Amino acid sequence: MLNEEGWRPAKRCGTFNAAMVAALTVRMGLRTRRQTPATLVQRQSDEWTLGELSHLLDMPALTRFSWLRRGELQARQVMSQSHRL
């Protein structure tokens, strides 16, 4: 709806995406960040979530997604019932 109404994000993107809206609602106190129990996702010792990787390397989301597109970063998407983790 934000995109349809002509609103634009402040930096680096022409349109809003789901992750941006989710982060915005958390920042505004409209909802809390849902924590995923560690027992649902089995990770190897050399695996991180994209959020963890961004925090560790202090990089913007745009950089990690461009790395994914170019094949410089390997990723997998984990599904739990009807939700992405």
N, C-alpha and C. Protein backbone atom coordinates (compact mmCIF):
# COMPACT_ATOMS: atom_id res chain seq x y z
N MET A 1 0.82 -1.18 0.00
CA MET A 1 0.00 0.00 0.00
C MET A 1 0.87 1.26 0.00
N LEU A 2 2.00 1.22 0.73
CA LEU A 2 2.88 2.38 0.76
C LEU A 2 3.37 2.73 -0.64
N ASN A 3 3.77 1.71 -1.39
CA ASN A 3 4.24 1.94 -2.75
C ASN A 3 3.13 2.47 -3.64
N GLU A 4 1.93 1.88 -3.52
CA GLU A 4 0.79 2.30 -4.32
C GLU A 4 0.38 3.74 -4.03
N GLU A 5 0.54 4.17 -2.79
CA GLU A 5 0.17 5.53 -2.40
C GLU A 5 1.27 6.55 -2.71
N GLY A 6 2.39 6.08 -3.27
CA GLY A 6 3.45 7.00 -3.68
C GLY A 6 4.51 7.28 -2.63
N TRP A 7 4.48 6.60 -1.49
CA TRP A 7 5.51 6.77 -0.47
C TRP A 7 6.79 6.10 -0.96
N ARG A 8 7.94 6.66 -0.58
CA ARG A 8 9.23 6.09 -0.97
C ARG A 8 10.14 6.00 0.25
N PRO A 9 10.94 4.93 0.34
CA PRO A 9 11.90 4.81 1.44
C PRO A 9 12.97 5.90 1.33
N ALA A 10 13.57 6.20 2.46
CA ALA A 10 14.55 7.29 2.51
C ALA A 10 15.84 6.97 1.78
N LYS A 11 16.28 5.72 1.78
CA LYS A 11 17.61 5.41 1.25
C LYS A 11 17.62 4.18 0.35
N ARG A 12 18.43 4.22 -0.66
CA ARG A 12 18.89 3.09 -1.47
C ARG A 12 17.84 2.26 -2.19
N CYS A 13 16.57 2.48 -2.00
CA CYS A 13 15.55 1.68 -2.69
C CYS A 13 14.49 2.60 -3.24
N GLY A 14 13.93 2.20 -4.37
CA GLY A 14 12.86 2.98 -4.95
C GLY A 14 11.51 2.67 -4.35
N THR A 15 11.36 1.45 -3.81
CA THR A 15 10.07 1.04 -3.26
C THR A 15 10.28 0.30 -1.93
N PHE A 16 9.20 0.21 -1.17
CA PHE A 16 9.24 -0.54 0.08
C PHE A 16 9.11 -2.04 -0.22
N ASN A 17 9.72 -2.87 0.64
CA ASN A 17 9.53 -4.32 0.56
C ASN A 17 9.04 -4.81 1.92
N ALA A 18 8.70 -6.09 2.00
CA ALA A 18 8.12 -6.64 3.23
C ALA A 18 9.06 -6.50 4.43
N ALA A 19 10.35 -6.73 4.23
CA ALA A 19 11.30 -6.63 5.34
C ALA A 19 11.38 -5.21 5.88
N MET A 20 11.33 -4.23 4.98
CA MET A 20 11.39 -2.83 5.40
C MET A 20 10.16 -2.47 6.22
N VAL A 21 8.99 -2.92 5.78
CA VAL A 21 7.75 -2.62 6.50
C VAL A 21 7.76 -3.31 7.86
N ALA A 22 8.23 -4.56 7.91
CA ALA A 22 8.30 -5.28 9.19
C ALA A 22 9.22 -4.55 10.17
N ALA A 23 10.40 -4.12 9.70
CA ALA A 23 11.32 -3.40 10.57
C ALA A 23 10.73 -2.07 11.03
N LEU A 24 10.02 -1.40 10.14
CA LEU A 24 9.39 -0.13 10.48
C LEU A 24 8.32 -0.31 11.56
N THR A 25 7.50 -1.35 11.45
CA THR A 25 6.46 -1.57 12.46
C THR A 25 7.06 -1.92 13.82
N VAL A 26 8.18 -2.63 13.83
CA VAL A 26 8.85 -2.92 15.09
C VAL A 26 9.41 -1.64 15.69
N ARG A 27 10.09 -0.83 14.85
CA ARG A 27 10.67 0.44 15.33
C ARG A 27 9.61 1.38 15.88
N MET A 28 8.43 1.37 15.27
CA MET A 28 7.36 2.26 15.71
C MET A 28 6.58 1.70 16.90
N GLY A 29 6.94 0.47 17.33
CA GLY A 29 6.27 -0.14 18.47
C GLY A 29 4.91 -0.72 18.15
N LEU A 30 4.62 -0.92 16.85
CA LEU A 30 3.33 -1.47 16.45
C LEU A 30 3.28 -2.99 16.61
N ARG A 31 4.43 -3.61 16.67
CA ARG A 31 4.51 -5.05 16.94
C ARG A 31 5.91 -5.34 17.48
N THR A 32 6.09 -6.53 18.01
CA THR A 32 7.40 -6.92 18.51
C THR A 32 8.02 -7.90 17.53
N ARG A 33 9.32 -7.96 17.56
CA ARG A 33 10.05 -8.89 16.70
C ARG A 33 9.80 -10.31 17.20
N ARG A 34 9.36 -11.16 16.30
CA ARG A 34 9.09 -12.55 16.66
C ARG A 34 10.41 -13.31 16.71
N GLN A 35 10.68 -13.95 17.81
CA GLN A 35 11.90 -14.74 17.96
C GLN A 35 11.60 -16.20 17.58
N THR A 36 12.45 -16.78 16.80
CA THR A 36 12.30 -18.16 16.39
C THR A 36 13.08 -19.05 17.34
N PRO A 37 12.42 -20.04 17.97
CA PRO A 37 13.16 -20.94 18.86
C PRO A 37 14.29 -21.64 18.11
N ALA A 38 15.45 -21.71 18.72
CA ALA A 38 16.63 -22.29 18.07
C ALA A 38 16.42 -23.75 17.69
N THR A 39 15.52 -24.44 18.37
CA THR A 39 15.31 -25.85 18.09
C THR A 39 14.61 -26.09 16.77
N LEU A 40 13.98 -25.07 16.19
CA LEU A 40 13.27 -25.24 14.92
C LEU A 40 14.22 -25.28 13.73
N VAL A 41 15.34 -24.61 13.82
CA VAL A 41 16.25 -24.50 12.68
C VAL A 41 17.59 -25.10 13.07
N GLN A 42 18.00 -26.11 12.31
CA GLN A 42 19.30 -26.73 12.54
C GLN A 42 20.32 -26.02 11.66
N ARG A 43 21.31 -25.39 12.29
CA ARG A 43 22.34 -24.69 11.54
C ARG A 43 23.69 -25.31 11.82
N GLN A 44 24.55 -25.23 10.82
CA GLN A 44 25.93 -25.67 10.98
C GLN A 44 26.70 -24.55 11.68
N SER A 45 27.89 -24.85 12.17
CA SER A 45 28.68 -23.85 12.88
C SER A 45 29.14 -22.71 11.97
N ASP A 46 29.16 -22.95 10.65
CA ASP A 46 29.59 -21.91 9.72
C ASP A 46 28.41 -21.24 9.01
N GLU A 47 27.21 -21.32 9.59
CA GLU A 47 26.02 -20.70 9.01
C GLU A 47 25.52 -19.57 9.89
N TRP A 48 25.06 -18.50 9.24
CA TRP A 48 24.47 -17.35 9.94
C TRP A 48 23.20 -16.96 9.20
N THR A 49 22.31 -16.29 9.89
CA THR A 49 21.18 -15.68 9.20
C THR A 49 21.70 -14.45 8.48
N LEU A 50 20.93 -13.97 7.50
CA LEU A 50 21.36 -12.77 6.79
C LEU A 50 21.45 -11.58 7.74
N GLY A 51 20.54 -11.51 8.70
CA GLY A 51 20.58 -10.42 9.69
C GLY A 51 21.84 -10.48 10.54
N GLU A 52 22.19 -11.68 10.99
CA GLU A 52 23.41 -11.85 11.80
C GLU A 52 24.64 -11.47 10.99
N LEU A 53 24.67 -11.90 9.74
CA LEU A 53 25.82 -11.60 8.88
C LEU A 53 25.95 -10.09 8.67
N SER A 54 24.83 -9.43 8.43
CA SER A 54 24.87 -7.97 8.25
C SER A 54 25.39 -7.28 9.49
N HIS A 55 24.96 -7.75 10.66
CA HIS A 55 25.40 -7.15 11.91
C HIS A 55 26.90 -7.39 12.13
N LEU A 56 27.34 -8.63 11.90
CA LEU A 56 28.75 -8.96 12.10
C LEU A 56 29.66 -8.16 11.17
N LEU A 57 29.24 -7.99 9.92
CA LEU A 57 30.08 -7.31 8.94
C LEU A 57 29.71 -5.84 8.76
N ASP A 58 28.69 -5.38 9.47
CA ASP A 58 28.22 -4.00 9.38
C ASP A 58 27.99 -3.61 7.92
N MET A 59 27.10 -4.38 7.26
CA MET A 59 26.83 -4.14 5.85
C MET A 59 25.34 -3.92 5.63
N PRO A 60 25.00 -3.15 4.61
CA PRO A 60 23.58 -2.95 4.30
C PRO A 60 22.98 -4.18 3.61
N ALA A 61 21.67 -4.30 3.69
CA ALA A 61 20.96 -5.43 3.08
C ALA A 61 21.24 -5.50 1.58
N LEU A 62 21.32 -4.36 0.93
CA LEU A 62 21.56 -4.33 -0.51
C LEU A 62 22.84 -5.07 -0.88
N THR A 63 23.88 -4.92 -0.08
CA THR A 63 25.16 -5.58 -0.36
C THR A 63 25.02 -7.09 -0.27
N ARG A 64 24.41 -7.60 0.79
CA ARG A 64 24.33 -9.06 0.93
C ARG A 64 23.44 -9.66 -0.15
N PHE A 65 22.39 -8.98 -0.58
CA PHE A 65 21.55 -9.52 -1.63
C PHE A 65 22.26 -9.47 -2.99
N SER A 66 23.08 -8.48 -3.22
CA SER A 66 23.86 -8.46 -4.47
C SER A 66 24.91 -9.57 -4.45
N TRP A 67 25.49 -9.84 -3.29
CA TRP A 67 26.42 -10.98 -3.16
C TRP A 67 25.70 -12.29 -3.48
N LEU A 68 24.48 -12.43 -2.99
CA LEU A 68 23.70 -13.65 -3.28
C LEU A 68 23.46 -13.79 -4.78
N ARG A 69 23.03 -12.72 -5.43
CA ARG A 69 22.75 -12.75 -6.87
C ARG A 69 23.99 -13.10 -7.68
N ARG A 70 25.15 -12.60 -7.28
CA ARG A 70 26.39 -12.86 -8.01
C ARG A 70 27.02 -14.20 -7.64
N GLY A 71 26.46 -14.91 -6.68
CA GLY A 71 27.00 -16.21 -6.29
C GLY A 71 28.18 -16.12 -5.34
N GLU A 72 28.43 -14.94 -4.77
CA GLU A 72 29.54 -14.77 -3.85
C GLU A 72 29.17 -15.17 -2.42
N LEU A 73 27.91 -15.48 -2.22
CA LEU A 73 27.40 -15.87 -0.91
C LEU A 73 26.41 -17.00 -1.14
N GLN A 74 26.54 -18.07 -0.38
CA GLN A 74 25.60 -19.18 -0.48
C GLN A 74 24.51 -18.99 0.56
N ALA A 75 23.29 -19.37 0.21
CA ALA A 75 22.17 -19.22 1.13
C ALA A 75 21.17 -20.34 0.91
N ARG A 76 20.37 -20.54 1.93
CA ARG A 76 19.24 -21.46 1.83
C ARG A 76 18.09 -20.84 2.60
N GLN A 77 16.88 -21.14 2.15
CA GLN A 77 15.70 -20.62 2.81
C GLN A 77 15.08 -21.75 3.60
N VAL A 78 14.81 -21.51 4.88
CA VAL A 78 14.24 -22.52 5.74
C VAL A 78 12.77 -22.20 5.95
N MET A 79 11.93 -23.18 5.73
CA MET A 79 10.49 -22.99 5.93
C MET A 79 10.05 -23.79 7.16
N SER A 80 9.16 -23.22 7.94
CA SER A 80 8.59 -23.90 9.10
C SER A 80 7.08 -23.78 8.99
N GLN A 81 6.43 -24.85 8.71
CA GLN A 81 4.99 -24.88 8.47
C GLN A 81 4.64 -23.82 7.44
N SER A 82 3.98 -22.74 7.81
CA SER A 82 3.58 -21.75 6.81
C SER A 82 4.42 -20.48 6.88
N HIS A 83 5.48 -20.45 7.71
CA HIS A 83 6.26 -19.24 7.88
C HIS A 83 7.70 -19.45 7.41
N ARG A 84 8.25 -18.38 6.82
CA ARG A 84 9.68 -18.40 6.51
C ARG A 84 10.43 -18.06 7.77
N LEU A 85 11.58 -18.66 7.95
CA LEU A 85 12.43 -18.36 9.11
C LEU A 85 13.66 -17.65 8.64
